[in-house]
Amino acid sequence: MDVHSVFLTTGGSVLLFRLLNSGLNRLYIPESARRNPWKWRNILTSFFHSLLTGMWSVLCFYLHPQMAEDLISTHSVFSHALVSVSIEYMGVTKHLADSWKDDEST
């Protein structure tokens, strides 16, 4: 995976999850979740990430079936990008959850 692809994937995933979280601020929050709205946004973000990476991982195995036999030495740029997006999701979500908690305590 070349450096250009790494920066593109990293920047794109940060942007995607930031936009998603901005959009979630405008959605309806159920009555049961109004006490901690940051948790509700975090749950929806996690759900979106699960849908995205679940479909992506199935596609990785479909496009590169040899990965099913050897995950250690067989991979593709597509599967590298999947891992990169997941790592960025974890970092962005941690950062946003911390900022949401700070917002709630003020």
C-alpha atoms as a PDB file:
ATOM      1  CA  MET A   1       0.000   0.000   0.000  1.00  0.00           C
ATOM      2  CA  ASP A   2       1.634   3.225  -1.087  1.00  0.00           C
ATOM      3  CA  VAL A   3       1.747   6.380   1.018  1.00  0.00           C
ATOM      4  CA  HIS A   4      -0.831   8.185  -1.125  1.00  0.00           C
ATOM      5  CA  SER A   5      -3.388   5.420  -0.514  1.00  0.00           C
ATOM      6  CA  VAL A   6      -2.693   5.455   3.213  1.00  0.00           C
ATOM      7  CA  PHE A   7      -3.285   9.201   3.482  1.00  0.00           C
ATOM      8  CA  LEU A   8      -6.395   8.986   1.304  1.00  0.00           C
ATOM      9  CA  THR A   9      -7.887   6.127   3.321  1.00  0.00           C
ATOM     10  CA  THR A  10      -7.013   7.706   6.657  1.00  0.00           C
ATOM     11  CA  GLY A  11      -8.309  11.159   5.736  1.00  0.00           C
ATOM     12  CA  GLY A  12     -11.408   9.736   4.110  1.00  0.00           C
ATOM     13  CA  SER A  13     -12.338   7.619   7.111  1.00  0.00           C
ATOM     14  CA  VAL A  14     -11.774  10.486   9.562  1.00  0.00           C
ATOM     15  CA  LEU A  15     -13.952  12.729   7.390  1.00  0.00           C
ATOM     16  CA  LEU A  16     -16.626  10.032   6.997  1.00  0.00           C
ATOM     17  CA  PHE A  17     -17.009   9.402  10.713  1.00  0.00           C
ATOM     18  CA  ARG A  18     -16.891  13.107  11.612  1.00  0.00           C
ATOM     19  CA  LEU A  19     -19.629  13.830   9.056  1.00  0.00           C
ATOM     20  CA  LEU A  20     -21.646  10.904  10.343  1.00  0.00           C
ATOM     21  CA  ASN A  21     -21.415  12.159  13.908  1.00  0.00           C
ATOM     22  CA  SER A  22     -22.347  15.689  12.836  1.00  0.00           C
ATOM     23  CA  GLY A  23     -25.402  14.297  11.095  1.00  0.00           C
ATOM     24  CA  LEU A  24     -26.349  12.229  14.134  1.00  0.00           C
ATOM     25  CA  ASN A  25     -26.582  15.415  16.196  1.00  0.00           C
ATOM     26  CA  ARG A  26     -29.594  16.368  14.079  1.00  0.00           C
ATOM     27  CA  LEU A  27     -31.468  13.077  14.470  1.00  0.00           C
ATOM     28  CA  TYR A  28     -34.233  12.327  16.916  1.00  0.00           C
ATOM     29  CA  ILE A  29     -33.017  10.984  20.260  1.00  0.00           C
ATOM     30  CA  PRO A  30     -35.405   8.545  21.950  1.00  0.00           C
ATOM     31  CA  GLU A  31     -36.751   9.500  25.366  1.00  0.00           C
ATOM     32  CA  SER A  32     -34.820   6.679  27.043  1.00  0.00           C
ATOM     33  CA  ALA A  33     -31.522   7.985  25.608  1.00  0.00           C
ATOM     34  CA  ARG A  34     -31.948  11.676  26.427  1.00  0.00           C
ATOM     35  CA  ARG A  35     -30.107  11.381  29.714  1.00  0.00           C
ATOM     36  CA  ASN A  36     -26.875  10.460  27.863  1.00  0.00           C
ATOM     37  CA  PRO A  37     -27.263  11.498  24.212  1.00  0.00           C
ATOM     38  CA  TRP A  38     -23.553  10.910  23.490  1.00  0.00           C
ATOM     39  CA  LYS A  39     -24.103   7.198  24.177  1.00  0.00           C
ATOM     40  CA  TRP A  40     -26.932   7.123  21.633  1.00  0.00           C
ATOM     41  CA  ARG A  41     -24.717   8.755  18.988  1.00  0.00           C
ATOM     42  CA  ASN A  42     -21.920   6.340  19.843  1.00  0.00           C
ATOM     43  CA  ILE A  43     -24.250   3.356  19.434  1.00  0.00           C
ATOM     44  CA  LEU A  44     -25.436   4.612  16.031  1.00  0.00           C
ATOM     45  CA  THR A  45     -21.852   5.270  14.917  1.00  0.00           C
ATOM     46  CA  SER A  46     -20.864   1.757  15.996  1.00  0.00           C
ATOM     47  CA  PHE A  47     -23.835   0.315  14.135  1.00  0.00           C
ATOM     48  CA  PHE A  48     -22.846   2.158  10.949  1.00  0.00           C
ATOM     49  CA  HIS A  49     -19.237   0.987  11.326  1.00  0.00           C
ATOM     50  CA  SER A  50     -20.416  -2.608  11.774  1.00  0.00           C
ATOM     51  CA  LEU A  51     -22.562  -2.472   8.652  1.00  0.00           C
ATOM     52  CA  LEU A  52     -19.786  -0.881   6.595  1.00  0.00           C
ATOM     53  CA  THR A  53     -16.968  -3.174   7.677  1.00  0.00           C
ATOM     54  CA  GLY A  54     -19.131  -6.289   7.660  1.00  0.00           C
ATOM     55  CA  MET A  55     -20.068  -5.824   4.015  1.00  0.00           C
ATOM     56  CA  TRP A  56     -16.520  -4.737   3.195  1.00  0.00           C
ATOM     57  CA  SER A  57     -14.975  -7.857   4.748  1.00  0.00           C
ATOM     58  CA  VAL A  58     -17.310 -10.161   2.836  1.00  0.00           C
ATOM     59  CA  LEU A  59     -16.351  -8.291  -0.333  1.00  0.00           C
ATOM     60  CA  CYS A  60     -12.648  -8.718   0.514  1.00  0.00           C
ATOM     61  CA  PHE A  61     -13.057 -12.507   0.655  1.00  0.00           C
ATOM     62  CA  TYR A  62     -15.195 -12.517  -2.460  1.00  0.00           C
ATOM     63  CA  LEU A  63     -12.625 -10.555  -4.473  1.00  0.00           C
ATOM     64  CA  HIS A  64      -9.619 -12.413  -3.012  1.00  0.00           C
ATOM     65  CA  PRO A  65     -10.760 -15.939  -2.069  1.00  0.00           C
ATOM     66  CA  GLN A  66      -7.167 -17.040  -1.421  1.00  0.00           C
ATOM     67  CA  MET A  67      -7.341 -15.050   1.831  1.00  0.00           C
ATOM     68  CA  ALA A  68      -9.610 -17.754   3.258  1.00  0.00           C
ATOM     69  CA  GLU A  69      -6.715 -20.205   3.174  1.00  0.00           C
ATOM     70  CA  ASP A  70      -3.906 -17.968   4.476  1.00  0.00           C
ATOM     71  CA  LEU A  71      -4.646 -14.694   6.242  1.00  0.00           C
ATOM     72  CA  ILE A  72      -1.041 -14.198   7.355  1.00  0.00           C
ATOM     73  CA  SER A  73       0.738 -13.867   4.032  1.00  0.00           C
ATOM     74  CA  THR A  74      -2.226 -13.199   1.734  1.00  0.00           C
ATOM     75  CA  HIS A  75      -3.873  -9.795   1.701  1.00  0.00           C
ATOM     76  CA  SER A  76      -4.883  -7.083  -0.714  1.00  0.00           C
ATOM     77  CA  VAL A  77      -4.859  -3.304  -0.790  1.00  0.00           C
ATOM     78  CA  PHE A  78      -8.620  -3.517  -0.309  1.00  0.00           C
ATOM     79  CA  SER A  79      -8.223  -5.484   2.936  1.00  0.00           C
ATOM     80  CA  HIS A  80      -5.455  -3.133   4.110  1.00  0.00           C
ATOM     81  CA  ALA A  81      -7.851  -0.232   3.594  1.00  0.00           C
ATOM     82  CA  LEU A  82     -10.487  -2.058   5.657  1.00  0.00           C
ATOM     83  CA  VAL A  83      -8.072  -2.354   8.572  1.00  0.00           C
ATOM     84  CA  SER A  84      -7.069   1.286   8.187  1.00  0.00           C
ATOM     85  CA  VAL A  85     -10.689   2.470   8.273  1.00  0.00           C
ATOM     86  CA  SER A  86     -11.373   0.366  11.376  1.00  0.00           C
ATOM     87  CA  ILE A  87      -8.349   1.756  13.194  1.00  0.00           C
ATOM     88  CA  GLU A  88      -9.376   5.298  12.328  1.00  0.00           C
ATOM     89  CA  TYR A  89     -12.931   4.550  13.479  1.00  0.00           C
ATOM     90  CA  MET A  90     -11.596   3.497  16.881  1.00  0.00           C
ATOM     91  CA  GLY A  91      -9.495   6.650  17.203  1.00  0.00           C
ATOM     92  CA  VAL A  92     -12.187   9.055  16.022  1.00  0.00           C
ATOM     93  CA  THR A  93     -14.867   7.409  18.155  1.00  0.00           C
ATOM     94  CA  LYS A  94     -12.676   7.563  21.270  1.00  0.00           C
ATOM     95  CA  HIS A  95     -11.941  11.230  20.641  1.00  0.00           C
ATOM     96  CA  LEU A  96     -15.590  12.087  19.967  1.00  0.00           C
ATOM     97  CA  ALA A  97     -16.852  10.094  22.957  1.00  0.00           C
ATOM     98  CA  ASP A  98     -14.455  11.976  25.214  1.00  0.00           C
ATOM     99  CA  SER A  99     -15.632  15.310  23.804  1.00  0.00           C
ATOM    100  CA  TRP A 100     -19.298  14.259  24.124  1.00  0.00           C
ATOM    101  CA  LYS A 101     -18.765  13.387  27.779  1.00  0.00           C
ATOM    102  CA  ASP A 102     -17.122  16.762  28.325  1.00  0.00           C
ATOM    103  CA  ASP A 103     -20.096  18.487  26.671  1.00  0.00           C
ATOM    104  CA  GLU A 104     -22.516  16.634  28.914  1.00  0.00           C
ATOM    105  CA  SER A 105     -20.675  17.534  32.106  1.00  0.00           C
ATOM    106  CA  THR A 106     -20.636  21.290  31.402  1.00  0.00           C
END
